[in-house]
Amino acid sequence: MKIRLVVSISAAPGKGVELAQAFRQRCADVVKEPGCEQFEVFQSVPNPDKLALLGIVVRPGRARCPRQGQPHPRADAARAAGRRQFARGLPIQPDPLTRRKPLS
């Protein structure tokens, strides 16, 4: 999972250029860390005391849920039970998970 960081920074009046310079080395160091795709500071042209930090961090341990894209374990059993009822001519009950009648 990628996490986008957008941080607005307001420097003390007249200190925006100094703050941007202080971030220069820090940004270079942070980008080298594992999982960091972007870490940059941008300075506003009309107001040099306003800066924006943009970053993208990748968290591989949470990139994908282990069951992502798989049906609920009880869903298949409920649908199979509905098909069996239909085959025997019994009235079809709604699927307990979706509250819809199963497709034949």
C-alpha atoms as a PDB file:
ATOM      1  CA  MET A   1       0.000   0.000   0.000  1.00  0.00           C
ATOM      2  CA  LYS A   2       1.305   3.425  -0.918  1.00  0.00           C
ATOM      3  CA  ILE A   3       0.781   6.339   1.421  1.00  0.00           C
ATOM      4  CA  ARG A   4       0.867   9.858  -0.001  1.00  0.00           C
ATOM      5  CA  LEU A   5       2.126  12.579   2.342  1.00  0.00           C
ATOM      6  CA  VAL A   6       1.162  16.195   1.678  1.00  0.00           C
ATOM      7  CA  VAL A   7       2.287  18.592   4.402  1.00  0.00           C
ATOM      8  CA  SER A   8       1.961  22.374   4.348  1.00  0.00           C
ATOM      9  CA  ILE A   9       4.753  24.180   6.201  1.00  0.00           C
ATOM     10  CA  SER A  10       4.750  27.843   7.166  1.00  0.00           C
ATOM     11  CA  ALA A  11       8.176  29.251   8.014  1.00  0.00           C
ATOM     12  CA  ALA A  12       8.755  32.236  10.261  1.00  0.00           C
ATOM     13  CA  PRO A  13       8.587  35.486   8.288  1.00  0.00           C
ATOM     14  CA  GLY A  14      11.708  35.826   6.139  1.00  0.00           C
ATOM     15  CA  LYS A  15      12.991  32.316   7.005  1.00  0.00           C
ATOM     16  CA  GLY A  16      11.466  30.301   4.129  1.00  0.00           C
ATOM     17  CA  VAL A  17      14.657  30.149   2.071  1.00  0.00           C
ATOM     18  CA  GLU A  18      16.663  29.072   5.114  1.00  0.00           C
ATOM     19  CA  LEU A  19      14.121  26.360   5.969  1.00  0.00           C
ATOM     20  CA  ALA A  20      14.120  25.059   2.386  1.00  0.00           C
ATOM     21  CA  GLN A  21      17.922  24.791   2.488  1.00  0.00           C
ATOM     22  CA  ALA A  22      17.710  22.887   5.788  1.00  0.00           C
ATOM     23  CA  PHE A  23      15.365  20.369   4.171  1.00  0.00           C
ATOM     24  CA  ARG A  24      17.699  19.765   1.214  1.00  0.00           C
ATOM     25  CA  GLN A  25      20.018  17.274   2.975  1.00  0.00           C
ATOM     26  CA  ARG A  26      17.185  15.741   4.984  1.00  0.00           C
ATOM     27  CA  CYS A  27      15.234  14.950   1.805  1.00  0.00           C
ATOM     28  CA  ALA A  28      18.288  13.309   0.243  1.00  0.00           C
ATOM     29  CA  ASP A  29      18.722  11.106   3.327  1.00  0.00           C
ATOM     30  CA  VAL A  30      15.058  10.112   3.659  1.00  0.00           C
ATOM     31  CA  VAL A  31      14.705   9.058  -0.010  1.00  0.00           C
ATOM     32  CA  LYS A  32      17.443   6.458   0.572  1.00  0.00           C
ATOM     33  CA  GLU A  33      15.391   4.715   3.264  1.00  0.00           C
ATOM     34  CA  PRO A  34      13.598   1.496   2.242  1.00  0.00           C
ATOM     35  CA  GLY A  35      10.013   2.020   1.163  1.00  0.00           C
ATOM     36  CA  CYS A  36      10.396   5.734   0.430  1.00  0.00           C
ATOM     37  CA  GLU A  37       9.629   6.598  -3.200  1.00  0.00           C
ATOM     38  CA  GLN A  38       9.400  10.381  -2.875  1.00  0.00           C
ATOM     39  CA  PHE A  39      10.316  12.975  -0.255  1.00  0.00           C
ATOM     40  CA  GLU A  40      10.566  16.499  -1.626  1.00  0.00           C
ATOM     41  CA  VAL A  41       9.995  20.030  -0.395  1.00  0.00           C
ATOM     42  CA  PHE A  42       8.602  22.700  -2.704  1.00  0.00           C
ATOM     43  CA  GLN A  43       8.679  26.423  -2.027  1.00  0.00           C
ATOM     44  CA  SER A  44       5.918  28.835  -3.059  1.00  0.00           C
ATOM     45  CA  VAL A  45       6.939  31.492  -5.597  1.00  0.00           C
ATOM     46  CA  PRO A  46       4.521  34.218  -4.448  1.00  0.00           C
ATOM     47  CA  ASN A  47       5.172  33.547  -0.752  1.00  0.00           C
ATOM     48  CA  PRO A  48       8.652  32.076  -0.091  1.00  0.00           C
ATOM     49  CA  ASP A  49       7.740  31.438   3.557  1.00  0.00           C
ATOM     50  CA  LYS A  50       5.255  28.714   2.528  1.00  0.00           C
ATOM     51  CA  LEU A  51       6.583  25.268   1.717  1.00  0.00           C
ATOM     52  CA  ALA A  52       4.969  21.947   0.832  1.00  0.00           C
ATOM     53  CA  LEU A  53       6.387  18.541   1.659  1.00  0.00           C
ATOM     54  CA  LEU A  54       5.369  15.752  -0.730  1.00  0.00           C
ATOM     55  CA  GLY A  55       6.179  12.135  -0.067  1.00  0.00           C
ATOM     56  CA  ILE A  56       5.234   8.615  -1.096  1.00  0.00           C
ATOM     57  CA  VAL A  57       5.919   5.765   1.308  1.00  0.00           C
ATOM     58  CA  VAL A  58       5.356   2.104   0.419  1.00  0.00           C
ATOM     59  CA  ARG A  59       4.370  -0.304   3.179  1.00  0.00           C
ATOM     60  CA  PRO A  60       4.897  -3.770   1.658  1.00  0.00           C
ATOM     61  CA  GLY A  61       3.670  -5.640   4.740  1.00  0.00           C
ATOM     62  CA  ARG A  62       0.210  -4.137   4.263  1.00  0.00           C
ATOM     63  CA  ALA A  63       0.165  -4.064   0.503  1.00  0.00           C
ATOM     64  CA  ARG A  64      -2.468  -6.756   0.201  1.00  0.00           C
ATOM     65  CA  CYS A  65      -4.972  -8.401   2.474  1.00  0.00           C
ATOM     66  CA  PRO A  66      -4.362 -12.185   2.534  1.00  0.00           C
ATOM     67  CA  ARG A  67      -7.993 -12.826   1.515  1.00  0.00           C
ATOM     68  CA  GLN A  68      -8.237  -9.981  -0.985  1.00  0.00           C
ATOM     69  CA  GLY A  69     -10.107 -11.064  -4.094  1.00  0.00           C
ATOM     70  CA  GLN A  70     -11.348 -14.291  -2.515  1.00  0.00           C
ATOM     71  CA  PRO A  71     -15.008 -14.982  -1.684  1.00  0.00           C
ATOM     72  CA  HIS A  72     -16.181 -15.203   1.891  1.00  0.00           C
ATOM     73  CA  PRO A  73     -15.721 -18.829   3.072  1.00  0.00           C
ATOM     74  CA  ARG A  74     -19.423 -19.198   3.927  1.00  0.00           C
ATOM     75  CA  ALA A  75     -20.622 -17.653   0.669  1.00  0.00           C
ATOM     76  CA  ASP A  76     -19.837 -20.713  -1.426  1.00  0.00           C
ATOM     77  CA  ALA A  77     -21.567 -23.020   1.041  1.00  0.00           C
ATOM     78  CA  ALA A  78     -24.679 -20.818   1.128  1.00  0.00           C
ATOM     79  CA  ARG A  79     -24.872 -20.656  -2.656  1.00  0.00           C
ATOM     80  CA  ALA A  80     -24.383 -24.410  -2.960  1.00  0.00           C
ATOM     81  CA  ALA A  81     -27.208 -24.995  -0.467  1.00  0.00           C
ATOM     82  CA  GLY A  82     -29.485 -22.742  -2.538  1.00  0.00           C
ATOM     83  CA  ARG A  83     -28.660 -24.693  -5.705  1.00  0.00           C
ATOM     84  CA  ARG A  84     -29.446 -27.980  -3.960  1.00  0.00           C
ATOM     85  CA  GLN A  85     -32.834 -26.640  -2.835  1.00  0.00           C
ATOM     86  CA  PHE A  86     -33.581 -25.521  -6.398  1.00  0.00           C
ATOM     87  CA  ALA A  87     -32.600 -28.922  -7.794  1.00  0.00           C
ATOM     88  CA  ARG A  88     -34.955 -30.674  -5.350  1.00  0.00           C
ATOM     89  CA  GLY A  89     -37.834 -28.341  -6.203  1.00  0.00           C
ATOM     90  CA  LEU A  90     -37.846 -26.746  -2.756  1.00  0.00           C
ATOM     91  CA  PRO A  91     -38.519 -23.023  -2.342  1.00  0.00           C
ATOM     92  CA  ILE A  92     -35.318 -21.048  -2.719  1.00  0.00           C
ATOM     93  CA  GLN A  93     -34.227 -19.135   0.357  1.00  0.00           C
ATOM     94  CA  PRO A  94     -32.288 -15.861   0.031  1.00  0.00           C
ATOM     95  CA  ASP A  95     -28.524 -16.064   0.379  1.00  0.00           C
ATOM     96  CA  PRO A  96     -27.860 -15.242   4.068  1.00  0.00           C
ATOM     97  CA  LEU A  97     -24.841 -13.098   3.156  1.00  0.00           C
ATOM     98  CA  THR A  98     -26.301 -11.023   0.351  1.00  0.00           C
ATOM     99  CA  ARG A  99     -30.040 -11.410   1.029  1.00  0.00           C
ATOM    100  CA  ARG A 100     -30.539 -12.221  -2.659  1.00  0.00           C
ATOM    101  CA  LYS A 101     -31.871 -15.371  -4.187  1.00  0.00           C
ATOM    102  CA  PRO A 102     -29.080 -17.487  -5.718  1.00  0.00           C
ATOM    103  CA  LEU A 103     -28.788 -17.766  -9.466  1.00  0.00           C
ATOM    104  CA  SER A 104     -29.738 -21.111 -10.919  1.00  0.00           C
END
